[in-house]
């Protein structure tokens, strides 16, 4: 029984390490794009920016994440929110390293990605 528990803990640690590697990869890939990406070319990056990827078939995107970002936009006028449909713009999804939707990037005032939540963001 103890051996099974140790194996389970080791397996969970390996999965967590893989998750952290994927997040670091996405942050580094997105950080390289701040000056080159057409998504960010028209946006004032001196204020915080949220770039979120969605699809029309994503139920969580439509019911939770989209309305949460709309509420955030109405409450805070000093924030950019960029919605990207991953099915209409697959090249952007590939450039940003999107593996699943919903995926969001929170960019700081310098345009560098600070956080990559791998699921929905809700208040």
PDB file of N, CA and C in Angstrom:
ATOM      1  N   UNK A   1       0.820  -1.192   0.000  1.00  0.00           N
ATOM      2  CA  UNK A   1       0.000   0.000   0.000  1.00  0.00           C
ATOM      3  C   UNK A   1       0.867   1.260   0.000  1.00  0.00           C
ATOM      4  N   UNK A   2       1.949   1.238   0.743  1.00  0.00           N
ATOM      5  CA  UNK A   2       2.848   2.372   0.819  1.00  0.00           C
ATOM      6  C   UNK A   2       3.546   2.605  -0.523  1.00  0.00           C
ATOM      7  N   UNK A   3       3.881   1.523  -1.196  1.00  0.00           N
ATOM      8  CA  UNK A   3       4.530   1.642  -2.503  1.00  0.00           C
ATOM      9  C   UNK A   3       3.584   2.289  -3.513  1.00  0.00           C
ATOM     10  N   UNK A   4       2.309   1.944  -3.473  1.00  0.00           N
ATOM     11  CA  UNK A   4       1.331   2.552  -4.366  1.00  0.00           C
ATOM     12  C   UNK A   4       1.201   4.047  -4.098  1.00  0.00           C
ATOM     13  N   UNK A   5       1.216   4.435  -2.837  1.00  0.00           N
ATOM     14  CA  UNK A   5       1.137   5.840  -2.479  1.00  0.00           C
ATOM     15  C   UNK A   5       2.371   6.601  -2.976  1.00  0.00           C
ATOM     16  N   UNK A   6       3.535   6.012  -2.833  1.00  0.00           N
ATOM     17  CA  UNK A   6       4.769   6.646  -3.314  1.00  0.00           C
ATOM     18  C   UNK A   6       4.735   6.786  -4.830  1.00  0.00           C
ATOM     19  N   UNK A   7       4.252   5.772  -5.524  1.00  0.00           N
ATOM     20  CA  UNK A   7       4.142   5.827  -6.977  1.00  0.00           C
ATOM     21  C   UNK A   7       3.153   6.920  -7.395  1.00  0.00           C
ATOM     22  N   UNK A   8       2.043   7.021  -6.692  1.00  0.00           N
ATOM     23  CA  UNK A   8       1.046   8.043  -6.995  1.00  0.00           C
ATOM     24  C   UNK A   8       1.618   9.439  -6.778  1.00  0.00           C
ATOM     25  N   UNK A   9       2.328   9.634  -5.688  1.00  0.00           N
ATOM     26  CA  UNK A   9       2.937  10.940  -5.417  1.00  0.00           C
ATOM     27  C   UNK A   9       3.984  11.263  -6.477  1.00  0.00           C
ATOM     28  N   UNK A  10       4.798  10.303  -6.857  1.00  0.00           N
ATOM     29  CA  UNK A  10       5.805  10.525  -7.893  1.00  0.00           C
ATOM     30  C   UNK A  10       5.148  10.867  -9.225  1.00  0.00           C
ATOM     31  N   UNK A  11       4.074  10.183  -9.555  1.00  0.00           N
ATOM     32  CA  UNK A  11       3.349  10.446 -10.786  1.00  0.00           C
ATOM     33  C   UNK A  11       2.775  11.864 -10.786  1.00  0.00           C
ATOM     34  N   UNK A  12       2.197  12.268  -9.662  1.00  0.00           N
ATOM     35  CA  UNK A  12       1.643  13.626  -9.546  1.00  0.00           C
ATOM     36  C   UNK A  12       2.739  14.676  -9.668  1.00  0.00           C
ATOM     37  N   UNK A  13       3.885  14.431  -9.082  1.00  0.00           N
ATOM     38  CA  UNK A  13       5.003  15.370  -9.189  1.00  0.00           C
ATOM     39  C   UNK A  13       5.496  15.490 -10.632  1.00  0.00           C
ATOM     40  N   UNK A  14       5.547  14.382 -11.329  1.00  0.00           N
ATOM     41  CA  UNK A  14       5.969  14.406 -12.730  1.00  0.00           C
ATOM     42  C   UNK A  14       4.974  15.197 -13.574  1.00  0.00           C
ATOM     43  N   UNK A  15       3.689  14.977 -13.351  1.00  0.00           N
ATOM     44  CA  UNK A  15       2.666  15.731 -14.082  1.00  0.00           C
ATOM     45  C   UNK A  15       2.762  17.222 -13.785  1.00  0.00           C
ATOM     46  N   UNK A  16       3.000  17.571 -12.516  1.00  0.00           N
ATOM     47  CA  UNK A  16       3.131  18.974 -12.147  1.00  0.00           C
ATOM     48  C   UNK A  16       4.352  19.591 -12.824  1.00  0.00           C
ATOM     49  N   UNK A  17       5.454  18.869 -12.892  1.00  0.00           N
ATOM     50  CA  UNK A  17       6.656  19.385 -13.543  1.00  0.00           C
ATOM     51  C   UNK A  17       6.410  19.592 -15.041  1.00  0.00           C
ATOM     52  N   UNK A  18       5.692  18.688 -15.667  1.00  0.00           N
ATOM     53  CA  UNK A  18       5.353  18.839 -17.083  1.00  0.00           C
ATOM     54  C   UNK A  18       4.475  20.067 -17.280  1.00  0.00           C
ATOM     55  N   UNK A  19       3.514  20.256 -16.398  1.00  0.00           N
ATOM     56  CA  UNK A  19       2.638  21.430 -16.457  1.00  0.00           C
ATOM     57  C   UNK A  19       3.453  22.713 -16.358  1.00  0.00           C
ATOM     58  N   UNK A  20       4.390  22.791 -15.417  1.00  0.00           N
ATOM     59  CA  UNK A  20       5.229  23.981 -15.241  1.00  0.00           C
ATOM     60  C   UNK A  20       6.108  24.222 -16.467  1.00  0.00           C
ATOM     61  N   UNK A  21       6.603  23.170 -17.083  1.00  0.00           N
ATOM     62  CA  UNK A  21       7.424  23.317 -18.291  1.00  0.00           C
ATOM     63  C   UNK A  21       6.587  23.884 -19.431  1.00  0.00           C
ATOM     64  N   UNK A  22       5.366  23.410 -19.580  1.00  0.00           N
ATOM     65  CA  UNK A  22       4.482  23.918 -20.634  1.00  0.00           C
ATOM     66  C   UNK A  22       4.175  25.397 -20.394  1.00  0.00           C
ATOM     67  N   UNK A  23       3.913  25.776 -19.155  1.00  0.00           N
ATOM     68  CA  UNK A  23       3.625  27.176 -18.837  1.00  0.00           C
ATOM     69  C   UNK A  23       4.843  28.049 -19.153  1.00  0.00           C
ATOM     70  N   UNK A  24       6.025  27.617 -18.763  1.00  0.00           N
ATOM     71  CA  UNK A  24       7.235  28.393 -19.062  1.00  0.00           C
ATOM     72  C   UNK A  24       7.458  28.502 -20.562  1.00  0.00           C
ATOM     73  N   UNK A  25       7.184  27.429 -21.300  1.00  0.00           N
ATOM     74  CA  UNK A  25       7.317  27.452 -22.746  1.00  0.00           C
ATOM     75  C   UNK A  25       6.355  28.465 -23.354  1.00  0.00           C
ATOM     76  N   UNK A  26       5.094  28.465 -22.880  1.00  0.00           N
ATOM     77  CA  UNK A  26       4.121  29.414 -23.406  1.00  0.00           C
ATOM     78  C   UNK A  26       4.513  30.845 -23.068  1.00  0.00           C
ATOM     79  N   UNK A  27       4.995  31.089 -21.860  1.00  0.00           N
ATOM     80  CA  UNK A  27       5.418  32.433 -21.488  1.00  0.00           C
ATOM     81  C   UNK A  27       6.585  32.906 -22.351  1.00  0.00           C
ATOM     82  N   UNK A  28       7.547  32.030 -22.579  1.00  0.00           N
ATOM     83  CA  UNK A  28       8.694  32.440 -23.390  1.00  0.00           C
ATOM     84  C   UNK A  28       8.285  32.675 -24.840  1.00  0.00           C
ATOM     85  N   UNK A  29       7.399  31.837 -25.351  1.00  0.00           N
ATOM     86  CA  UNK A  29       6.942  31.996 -26.732  1.00  0.00           C
ATOM     87  C   UNK A  29       6.141  33.284 -26.889  1.00  0.00           C
ATOM     88  N   UNK A  30       5.283  33.582 -25.937  1.00  0.00           N
ATOM     89  CA  UNK A  30       4.486  34.808 -25.995  1.00  0.00           C
ATOM     90  C   UNK A  30       5.357  36.038 -25.762  1.00  0.00           C
ATOM     91  N   UNK A  31       6.381  35.926 -24.937  1.00  0.00           N
ATOM     92  CA  UNK A  31       7.263  37.049 -24.678  1.00  0.00           C
ATOM     93  C   UNK A  31       8.040  37.479 -25.908  1.00  0.00           C
ATOM     94  N   UNK A  32       8.304  36.564 -26.808  1.00  0.00           N
ATOM     95  CA  UNK A  32       9.023  36.887 -28.042  1.00  0.00           C
ATOM     96  C   UNK A  32       8.138  37.626 -29.036  1.00  0.00           C
ATOM     97  N   UNK A  33       6.830  37.613 -28.816  1.00  0.00           N
ATOM     98  CA  UNK A  33       5.898  38.147 -29.799  1.00  0.00           C
ATOM     99  C   UNK A  33       5.523  39.603 -29.589  1.00  0.00           C
ATOM    100  N   UNK A  34       5.866  40.174 -28.455  1.00  0.00           N
ATOM    101  CA  UNK A  34       5.289  41.470 -28.104  1.00  0.00           C
ATOM    102  C   UNK A  34       5.561  42.564 -29.122  1.00  0.00           C
ATOM    103  N   UNK A  35       6.678  42.514 -29.827  1.00  0.00           N
ATOM    104  CA  UNK A  35       6.976  43.539 -30.821  1.00  0.00           C
ATOM    105  C   UNK A  35       6.565  43.135 -32.229  1.00  0.00           C
ATOM    106  N   UNK A  36       6.329  41.863 -32.477  1.00  0.00           N
ATOM    107  CA  UNK A  36       6.105  41.374 -33.829  1.00  0.00           C
ATOM    108  C   UNK A  36       4.671  40.963 -34.130  1.00  0.00           C
ATOM    109  N   UNK A  37       3.910  40.636 -33.111  1.00  0.00           N
ATOM    110  CA  UNK A  37       2.600  40.037 -33.341  1.00  0.00           C
ATOM    111  C   UNK A  37       1.575  41.056 -33.818  1.00  0.00           C
ATOM    112  N   UNK A  38       0.846  40.754 -34.901  1.00  0.00           N
ATOM    113  CA  UNK A  38      -0.180  41.678 -35.373  1.00  0.00           C
ATOM    114  C   UNK A  38      -1.324  41.873 -34.378  1.00  0.00           C
ATOM    115  N   UNK A  39      -1.540  40.916 -33.486  1.00  0.00           N
ATOM    116  CA  UNK A  39      -2.587  41.086 -32.479  1.00  0.00           C
ATOM    117  C   UNK A  39      -2.283  42.255 -31.552  1.00  0.00           C
ATOM    118  N   UNK A  40      -1.014  42.487 -31.294  1.00  0.00           N
ATOM    119  CA  UNK A  40      -0.619  43.509 -30.333  1.00  0.00           C
ATOM    120  C   UNK A  40      -0.179  44.807 -30.994  1.00  0.00           C
ATOM    121  N   UNK A  41      -0.192  44.860 -32.317  1.00  0.00           N
ATOM    122  CA  UNK A  41       0.337  46.039 -33.001  1.00  0.00           C
ATOM    123  C   UNK A  41      -0.533  47.275 -32.798  1.00  0.00           C
ATOM    124  N   UNK A  42      -1.834  47.118 -32.644  1.00  0.00           N
ATOM    125  CA  UNK A  42      -2.745  48.256 -32.512  1.00  0.00           C
ATOM    126  C   UNK A  42      -3.104  48.570 -31.065  1.00  0.00           C
ATOM    127  N   UNK A  43      -2.461  47.894 -30.132  1.00  0.00           N
ATOM    128  CA  UNK A  43      -2.851  48.013 -28.731  1.00  0.00           C
ATOM    129  C   UNK A  43      -1.803  48.802 -27.962  1.00  0.00           C
ATOM    130  N   UNK A  44      -2.283  49.630 -27.055  1.00  0.00           N
ATOM    131  CA  UNK A  44      -1.397  50.363 -26.157  1.00  0.00           C
ATOM    132  C   UNK A  44      -0.943  49.405 -25.057  1.00  0.00           C
ATOM    133  N   UNK A  45       0.312  48.987 -25.125  1.00  0.00           N
ATOM    134  CA  UNK A  45       0.819  48.024 -24.155  1.00  0.00           C
ATOM    135  C   UNK A  45       1.314  48.673 -22.864  1.00  0.00           C
ATOM    136  N   UNK A  46       1.112  49.978 -22.728  1.00  0.00           N
ATOM    137  CA  UNK A  46       1.538  50.620 -21.486  1.00  0.00           C
ATOM    138  C   UNK A  46       0.541  50.390 -20.358  1.00  0.00           C
ATOM    139  N   UNK A  47      -0.609  49.833 -20.683  1.00  0.00           N
ATOM    140  CA  UNK A  47      -1.566  49.434 -19.647  1.00  0.00           C
ATOM    141  C   UNK A  47      -1.704  47.908 -19.695  1.00  0.00           C
ATOM    142  N   UNK A  48      -2.132  47.296 -18.601  1.00  0.00           N
ATOM    143  CA  UNK A  48      -2.265  45.829 -18.579  1.00  0.00           C
ATOM    144  C   UNK A  48      -3.192  45.337 -19.693  1.00  0.00           C
ATOM    145  N   UNK A  49      -2.825  44.194 -20.248  1.00  0.00           N
ATOM    146  CA  UNK A  49      -3.562  43.625 -21.369  1.00  0.00           C
ATOM    147  C   UNK A  49      -3.835  42.158 -21.115  1.00  0.00           C
ATOM    148  N   UNK A  50      -5.032  41.724 -21.461  1.00  0.00           N
ATOM    149  CA  UNK A  50      -5.408  40.320 -21.396  1.00  0.00           C
ATOM    150  C   UNK A  50      -5.675  39.858 -22.819  1.00  0.00           C
ATOM    151  N   UNK A  51      -4.967  38.832 -23.247  1.00  0.00           N
ATOM    152  CA  UNK A  51      -5.206  38.217 -24.551  1.00  0.00           C
ATOM    153  C   UNK A  51      -5.790  36.840 -24.267  1.00  0.00           C
ATOM    154  N   UNK A  52      -7.034  36.623 -24.709  1.00  0.00           N
ATOM    155  CA  UNK A  52      -7.610  35.307 -24.446  1.00  0.00           C
ATOM    156  C   UNK A  52      -8.085  34.662 -25.729  1.00  0.00           C
ATOM    157  N   UNK A  53      -7.843  33.350 -25.780  1.00  0.00           N
ATOM    158  CA  UNK A  53      -8.156  32.544 -26.945  1.00  0.00           C
ATOM    159  C   UNK A  53      -9.397  31.717 -26.654  1.00  0.00           C
ATOM    160  N   UNK A  54     -10.289  31.687 -27.622  1.00  0.00           N
ATOM    161  CA  UNK A  54     -11.559  31.004 -27.474  1.00  0.00           C
ATOM    162  C   UNK A  54     -11.946  30.370 -28.803  1.00  0.00           C
ATOM    163  N   UNK A  55     -13.003  29.596 -28.809  1.00  0.00           N
ATOM    164  CA  UNK A  55     -13.602  29.066 -30.031  1.00  0.00           C
ATOM    165  C   UNK A  55     -15.118  29.150 -29.892  1.00  0.00           C
ATOM    166  N   UNK A  56     -15.847  29.138 -30.994  1.00  0.00           N
ATOM    167  CA  UNK A  56     -17.308  29.180 -30.897  1.00  0.00           C
ATOM    168  C   UNK A  56     -17.895  27.951 -30.203  1.00  0.00           C
ATOM    169  N   UNK A  57     -17.197  26.827 -30.257  1.00  0.00           N
ATOM    170  CA  UNK A  57     -17.715  25.594 -29.660  1.00  0.00           C
ATOM    171  C   UNK A  57     -17.390  25.468 -28.171  1.00  0.00           C
ATOM    172  N   UNK A  58     -16.593  26.354 -27.636  1.00  0.00           N
ATOM    173  CA  UNK A  58     -16.176  26.269 -26.237  1.00  0.00           C
ATOM    174  C   UNK A  58     -17.293  26.792 -25.333  1.00  0.00           C
ATOM    175  N   UNK A  59     -17.933  25.887 -24.618  1.00  0.00           N
ATOM    176  CA  UNK A  59     -19.042  26.277 -23.753  1.00  0.00           C
ATOM    177  C   UNK A  59     -18.571  27.126 -22.571  1.00  0.00           C
ATOM    178  N   UNK A  60     -17.447  26.774 -21.974  1.00  0.00           N
ATOM    179  CA  UNK A  60     -16.928  27.567 -20.854  1.00  0.00           C
ATOM    180  C   UNK A  60     -16.554  28.973 -21.297  1.00  0.00           C
ATOM    181  N   UNK A  61     -16.059  29.093 -22.525  1.00  0.00           N
ATOM    182  CA  UNK A  61     -15.692  30.418 -23.045  1.00  0.00           C
ATOM    183  C   UNK A  61     -16.928  31.306 -23.169  1.00  0.00           C
ATOM    184  N   UNK A  62     -18.011  30.738 -23.675  1.00  0.00           N
ATOM    185  CA  UNK A  62     -19.240  31.511 -23.900  1.00  0.00           C
ATOM    186  C   UNK A  62     -19.966  31.828 -22.605  1.00  0.00           C
ATOM    187  N   UNK A  63     -20.019  30.875 -21.688  1.00  0.00           N
ATOM    188  CA  UNK A  63     -20.855  31.051 -20.502  1.00  0.00           C
ATOM    189  C   UNK A  63     -20.134  31.675 -19.320  1.00  0.00           C
ATOM    190  N   UNK A  64     -18.834  31.504 -19.225  1.00  0.00           N
ATOM    191  CA  UNK A  64     -18.121  31.988 -18.045  1.00  0.00           C
ATOM    192  C   UNK A  64     -17.052  33.011 -18.389  1.00  0.00           C
ATOM    193  N   UNK A  65     -16.130  32.639 -19.248  1.00  0.00           N
ATOM    194  CA  UNK A  65     -14.982  33.509 -19.488  1.00  0.00           C
ATOM    195  C   UNK A  65     -15.354  34.787 -20.234  1.00  0.00           C
ATOM    196  N   UNK A  66     -16.127  34.672 -21.297  1.00  0.00           N
ATOM    197  CA  UNK A  66     -16.533  35.859 -22.051  1.00  0.00           C
ATOM    198  C   UNK A  66     -17.268  36.875 -21.198  1.00  0.00           C
ATOM    199  N   UNK A  67     -18.326  36.462 -20.469  1.00  0.00           N
ATOM    200  CA  UNK A  67     -19.012  37.407 -19.600  1.00  0.00           C
ATOM    201  C   UNK A  67     -18.120  37.976 -18.484  1.00  0.00           C
ATOM    202  N   UNK A  68     -17.193  37.176 -17.980  1.00  0.00           N
ATOM    203  CA  UNK A  68     -16.291  37.677 -16.936  1.00  0.00           C
ATOM    204  C   UNK A  68     -15.394  38.781 -17.490  1.00  0.00           C
ATOM    205  N   UNK A  69     -14.889  38.599 -18.705  1.00  0.00           N
ATOM    206  CA  UNK A  69     -14.053  39.637 -19.305  1.00  0.00           C
ATOM    207  C   UNK A  69     -14.864  40.876 -19.659  1.00  0.00           C
ATOM    208  N   UNK A  70     -16.128  40.692 -20.058  1.00  0.00           N
ATOM    209  CA  UNK A  70     -16.988  41.847 -20.332  1.00  0.00           C
ATOM    210  C   UNK A  70     -17.226  42.649 -19.061  1.00  0.00           C
ATOM    211  N   UNK A  71     -17.488  41.957 -17.938  1.00  0.00           N
ATOM    212  CA  UNK A  71     -17.668  42.652 -16.657  1.00  0.00           C
ATOM    213  C   UNK A  71     -16.384  43.366 -16.245  1.00  0.00           C
ATOM    214  N   UNK A  72     -15.263  42.722 -16.456  1.00  0.00           N
ATOM    215  CA  UNK A  72     -13.983  43.328 -16.126  1.00  0.00           C
ATOM    216  C   UNK A  72     -13.743  44.581 -16.961  1.00  0.00           C
ATOM    217  N   UNK A  73     -14.080  44.528 -18.230  1.00  0.00           N
ATOM    218  CA  UNK A  73     -13.902  45.679 -19.113  1.00  0.00           C
ATOM    219  C   UNK A  73     -14.775  46.851 -18.674  1.00  0.00           C
ATOM    220  N   UNK A  74     -15.992  46.568 -18.222  1.00  0.00           N
ATOM    221  CA  UNK A  74     -16.870  47.656 -17.790  1.00  0.00           C
ATOM    222  C   UNK A  74     -16.430  48.243 -16.454  1.00  0.00           C
ATOM    223  N   UNK A  75     -15.860  47.421 -15.579  1.00  0.00           N
ATOM    224  CA  UNK A  75     -15.425  47.918 -14.272  1.00  0.00           C
ATOM    225  C   UNK A  75     -14.092  48.644 -14.337  1.00  0.00           C
ATOM    226  N   UNK A  76     -13.218  48.218 -15.235  1.00  0.00           N
ATOM    227  CA  UNK A  76     -11.897  48.811 -15.341  1.00  0.00           C
ATOM    228  C   UNK A  76     -11.721  49.370 -16.749  1.00  0.00           C
ATOM    229  N   UNK A  77     -11.556  50.665 -16.848  1.00  0.00           N
ATOM    230  CA  UNK A  77     -11.378  51.242 -18.180  1.00  0.00           C
ATOM    231  C   UNK A  77      -9.913  51.328 -18.588  1.00  0.00           C
ATOM    232  N   UNK A  78      -8.998  51.016 -17.689  1.00  0.00           N
ATOM    233  CA  UNK A  78      -7.578  51.084 -18.018  1.00  0.00           C
ATOM    234  C   UNK A  78      -6.990  49.692 -18.234  1.00  0.00           C
ATOM    235  N   UNK A  79      -7.703  48.873 -18.998  1.00  0.00           N
ATOM    236  CA  UNK A  79      -7.238  47.526 -19.310  1.00  0.00           C
ATOM    237  C   UNK A  79      -7.635  47.195 -20.749  1.00  0.00           C
ATOM    238  N   UNK A  80      -6.739  46.548 -21.459  1.00  0.00           N
ATOM    239  CA  UNK A  80      -7.034  46.058 -22.810  1.00  0.00           C
ATOM    240  C   UNK A  80      -7.427  44.601 -22.723  1.00  0.00           C
ATOM    241  N   UNK A  81      -8.499  44.242 -23.412  1.00  0.00           N
ATOM    242  CA  UNK A  81      -8.891  42.837 -23.492  1.00  0.00           C
ATOM    243  C   UNK A  81      -8.989  42.477 -24.971  1.00  0.00           C
ATOM    244  N   UNK A  82      -8.184  41.504 -25.374  1.00  0.00           N
ATOM    245  CA  UNK A  82      -8.121  41.080 -26.772  1.00  0.00           C
ATOM    246  C   UNK A  82      -8.666  39.666 -26.858  1.00  0.00           C
ATOM    247  N   UNK A  83      -9.752  39.517 -27.607  1.00  0.00           N
ATOM    248  CA  UNK A  83     -10.365  38.200 -27.805  1.00  0.00           C
ATOM    249  C   UNK A  83      -9.907  37.658 -29.149  1.00  0.00           C
ATOM    250  N   UNK A  84      -9.413  36.429 -29.143  1.00  0.00           N
ATOM    251  CA  UNK A  84      -8.930  35.800 -30.367  1.00  0.00           C
ATOM    252  C   UNK A  84      -9.687  34.487 -30.564  1.00  0.00           C
ATOM    253  N   UNK A  85     -10.354  34.367 -31.696  1.00  0.00           N
ATOM    254  CA  UNK A  85     -11.021  33.115 -32.035  1.00  0.00           C
ATOM    255  C   UNK A  85      -9.976  32.191 -32.655  1.00  0.00           C
ATOM    256  N   UNK A  86      -9.675  31.120 -31.971  1.00  0.00           N
ATOM    257  CA  UNK A  86      -8.616  30.206 -32.408  1.00  0.00           C
ATOM    258  C   UNK A  86      -8.962  29.477 -33.705  1.00  0.00           C
ATOM    259  N   UNK A  87     -10.245  29.348 -34.027  1.00  0.00           N
ATOM    260  CA  UNK A  87     -10.611  28.693 -35.281  1.00  0.00           C
ATOM    261  C   UNK A  87     -10.514  29.651 -36.462  1.00  0.00           C
ATOM    262  N   UNK A  88     -10.767  30.938 -36.246  1.00  0.00           N
ATOM    263  CA  UNK A  88     -10.659  31.919 -37.322  1.00  0.00           C
ATOM    264  C   UNK A  88      -9.221  32.363 -37.552  1.00  0.00           C
ATOM    265  N   UNK A  89      -8.398  32.304 -36.515  1.00  0.00           N
ATOM    266  CA  UNK A  89      -7.008  32.757 -36.621  1.00  0.00           C
ATOM    267  C   UNK A  89      -6.064  31.679 -36.074  1.00  0.00           C
ATOM    268  N   UNK A  90      -5.958  30.552 -36.775  1.00  0.00           N
ATOM    269  CA  UNK A  90      -5.115  29.469 -36.261  1.00  0.00           C
ATOM    270  C   UNK A  90      -3.625  29.814 -36.235  1.00  0.00           C
ATOM    271  N   UNK A  91      -3.200  30.748 -37.083  1.00  0.00           N
ATOM    272  CA  UNK A  91      -1.785  31.126 -37.067  1.00  0.00           C
ATOM    273  C   UNK A  91      -1.421  31.838 -35.771  1.00  0.00           C
ATOM    274  N   UNK A  92      -2.328  32.672 -35.269  1.00  0.00           N
ATOM    275  CA  UNK A  92      -2.077  33.323 -33.972  1.00  0.00           C
ATOM    276  C   UNK A  92      -2.027  32.289 -32.855  1.00  0.00           C
ATOM    277  N   UNK A  93      -2.914  31.332 -32.922  1.00  0.00           N
ATOM    278  CA  UNK A  93      -2.913  30.273 -31.903  1.00  0.00           C
ATOM    279  C   UNK A  93      -1.605  29.512 -31.926  1.00  0.00           C
ATOM    280  N   UNK A  94      -1.107  29.255 -33.108  1.00  0.00           N
ATOM    281  CA  UNK A  94       0.159  28.540 -33.240  1.00  0.00           C
ATOM    282  C   UNK A  94       1.321  29.400 -32.738  1.00  0.00           C
ATOM    283  N   UNK A  95       1.312  30.695 -33.097  1.00  0.00           N
ATOM    284  CA  UNK A  95       2.380  31.590 -32.647  1.00  0.00           C
ATOM    285  C   UNK A  95       2.438  31.696 -31.133  1.00  0.00           C
ATOM    286  N   UNK A  96       1.271  31.730 -30.489  1.00  0.00           N
ATOM    287  CA  UNK A  96       1.213  31.881 -29.040  1.00  0.00           C
ATOM    288  C   UNK A  96       1.348  30.545 -28.312  1.00  0.00           C
ATOM    289  N   UNK A  97       1.346  29.436 -29.022  1.00  0.00           N
ATOM    290  CA  UNK A  97       1.521  28.130 -28.397  1.00  0.00           C
ATOM    291  C   UNK A  97       0.280  27.640 -27.676  1.00  0.00           C
ATOM    292  N   UNK A  98      -0.877  27.914 -28.238  1.00  0.00           N
ATOM    293  CA  UNK A  98      -2.137  27.518 -27.606  1.00  0.00           C
ATOM    294  C   UNK A  98      -2.348  26.022 -27.791  1.00  0.00           C
ATOM    295  N   UNK A  99      -2.531  25.334 -26.673  1.00  0.00           N
ATOM    296  CA  UNK A  99      -2.769  23.895 -26.709  1.00  0.00           C
ATOM    297  C   UNK A  99      -4.236  23.558 -26.494  1.00  0.00           C
ATOM    298  N   UNK A 100      -4.959  24.415 -25.769  1.00  0.00           N
ATOM    299  CA  UNK A 100      -6.374  24.189 -25.512  1.00  0.00           C
ATOM    300  C   UNK A 100      -7.028  25.534 -25.227  1.00  0.00           C
ATOM    301  N   UNK A 101      -8.325  25.558 -25.355  1.00  0.00           N
ATOM    302  CA  UNK A 101      -9.079  26.757 -24.999  1.00  0.00           C
ATOM    303  C   UNK A 101      -9.988  26.407 -23.839  1.00  0.00           C
ATOM    304  N   UNK A 102     -10.274  27.333 -22.990  1.00  0.00           N
ATOM    305  CA  UNK A 102      -9.809  28.713 -22.976  1.00  0.00           C
ATOM    306  C   UNK A 102      -8.400  28.832 -22.408  1.00  0.00           C
ATOM    307  N   UNK A 103      -7.583  29.655 -23.052  1.00  0.00           N
ATOM    308  CA  UNK A 103      -6.250  29.998 -22.561  1.00  0.00           C
ATOM    309  C   UNK A 103      -6.117  31.507 -22.619  1.00  0.00           C
ATOM    310  N   UNK A 104      -5.607  32.079 -21.566  1.00  0.00           N
ATOM    311  CA  UNK A 104      -5.461  33.527 -21.471  1.00  0.00           C
ATOM    312  C   UNK A 104      -4.020  33.876 -21.147  1.00  0.00           C
ATOM    313  N   UNK A 105      -3.596  35.017 -21.641  1.00  0.00           N
ATOM    314  CA  UNK A 105      -2.299  35.578 -21.304  1.00  0.00           C
ATOM    315  C   UNK A 105      -2.542  36.929 -20.672  1.00  0.00           C
ATOM    316  N   UNK A 106      -1.973  37.153 -19.527  1.00  0.00           N
ATOM    317  CA  UNK A 106      -2.061  38.451 -18.882  1.00  0.00           C
ATOM    318  C   UNK A 106      -0.708  39.123 -19.068  1.00  0.00           C
ATOM    319  N   UNK A 107      -0.712  40.213 -19.832  1.00  0.00           N
ATOM    320  CA  UNK A 107       0.514  40.928 -20.148  1.00  0.00           C
ATOM    321  C   UNK A 107       0.673  42.106 -19.198  1.00  0.00           C
ATOM    322  N   UNK A 108       1.882  42.316 -18.723  1.00  0.00           N
ATOM    323  CA  UNK A 108       2.121  43.444 -17.828  1.00  0.00           C
ATOM    324  C   UNK A 108       2.287  44.732 -18.642  1.00  0.00           C
ATOM    325  N   UNK A 109       2.645  45.814 -17.971  1.00  0.00           N
ATOM    326  CA  UNK A 109       2.729  47.119 -18.628  1.00  0.00           C
ATOM    327  C   UNK A 109       3.864  47.223 -19.636  1.00  0.00           C
ATOM    328  N   UNK A 110       4.788  46.295 -19.611  1.00  0.00           N
ATOM    329  CA  UNK A 110       5.868  46.297 -20.599  1.00  0.00           C
ATOM    330  C   UNK A 110       5.543  45.397 -21.789  1.00  0.00           C
ATOM    331  N   UNK A 111       4.412  44.702 -21.737  1.00  0.00           N
ATOM    332  CA  UNK A 111       4.014  43.821 -22.825  1.00  0.00           C
ATOM    333  C   UNK A 111       4.499  42.399 -22.672  1.00  0.00           C
ATOM    334  N   UNK A 112       5.169  42.109 -21.566  1.00  0.00           N
ATOM    335  CA  UNK A 112       5.638  40.745 -21.312  1.00  0.00           C
ATOM    336  C   UNK A 112       4.552  39.940 -20.632  1.00  0.00           C
ATOM    337  N   UNK A 113       4.374  38.695 -21.032  1.00  0.00           N
ATOM    338  CA  UNK A 113       3.361  37.865 -20.373  1.00  0.00           C
ATOM    339  C   UNK A 113       3.769  37.566 -18.938  1.00  0.00           C
ATOM    340  N   UNK A 114       2.854  37.799 -18.033  1.00  0.00           N
ATOM    341  CA  UNK A 114       3.136  37.569 -16.616  1.00  0.00           C
ATOM    342  C   UNK A 114       2.482  36.284 -16.135  1.00  0.00           C
ATOM    343  N   UNK A 115       1.293  35.985 -16.622  1.00  0.00           N
ATOM    344  CA  UNK A 115       0.535  34.840 -16.139  1.00  0.00           C
ATOM    345  C   UNK A 115      -0.133  34.158 -17.329  1.00  0.00           C
ATOM    346  N   UNK A 116      -0.199  32.830 -17.289  1.00  0.00           N
ATOM    347  CA  UNK A 116      -0.908  32.054 -18.290  1.00  0.00           C
ATOM    348  C   UNK A 116      -1.886  31.131 -17.570  1.00  0.00           C
ATOM    349  N   UNK A 117      -3.095  31.606 -17.279  1.00  0.00           N
ATOM    350  CA  UNK A 117      -4.099  30.687 -16.716  1.00  0.00           C
ATOM    351  C   UNK A 117      -4.522  29.697 -17.789  1.00  0.00           C
ATOM    352  N   UNK A 118      -4.504  28.422 -17.468  1.00  0.00           N
ATOM    353  CA  UNK A 118      -4.826  27.390 -18.456  1.00  0.00           C
ATOM    354  C   UNK A 118      -6.296  27.014 -18.463  1.00  0.00           C
ATOM    355  N   UNK A 119      -7.113  27.830 -17.851  1.00  0.00           N
ATOM    356  CA  UNK A 119      -8.537  27.532 -17.855  1.00  0.00           C
ATOM    357  C   UNK A 119      -9.281  28.862 -17.808  1.00  0.00           C
ATOM    358  N   UNK A 120     -10.486  28.844 -17.315  1.00  0.00           N
ATOM    359  CA  UNK A 120     -11.289  30.067 -17.304  1.00  0.00           C
ATOM    360  C   UNK A 120     -10.836  31.004 -16.204  1.00  0.00           C
ATOM    361  N   UNK A 121     -11.106  32.271 -16.412  1.00  0.00           N
ATOM    362  CA  UNK A 121     -10.865  33.282 -15.395  1.00  0.00           C
ATOM    363  C   UNK A 121     -12.220  33.849 -15.036  1.00  0.00           C
ATOM    364  N   UNK A 122     -12.583  33.736 -13.812  1.00  0.00           N
ATOM    365  CA  UNK A 122     -13.871  34.271 -13.374  1.00  0.00           C
ATOM    366  C   UNK A 122     -13.691  35.038 -12.080  1.00  0.00           C
ATOM    367  N   UNK A 123     -14.431  36.132 -11.914  1.00  0.00           N
ATOM    368  CA  UNK A 123     -14.290  36.892 -10.676  1.00  0.00           C
ATOM    369  C   UNK A 123     -14.857  36.151  -9.488  1.00  0.00           C
TER     370      UNK A 123
END
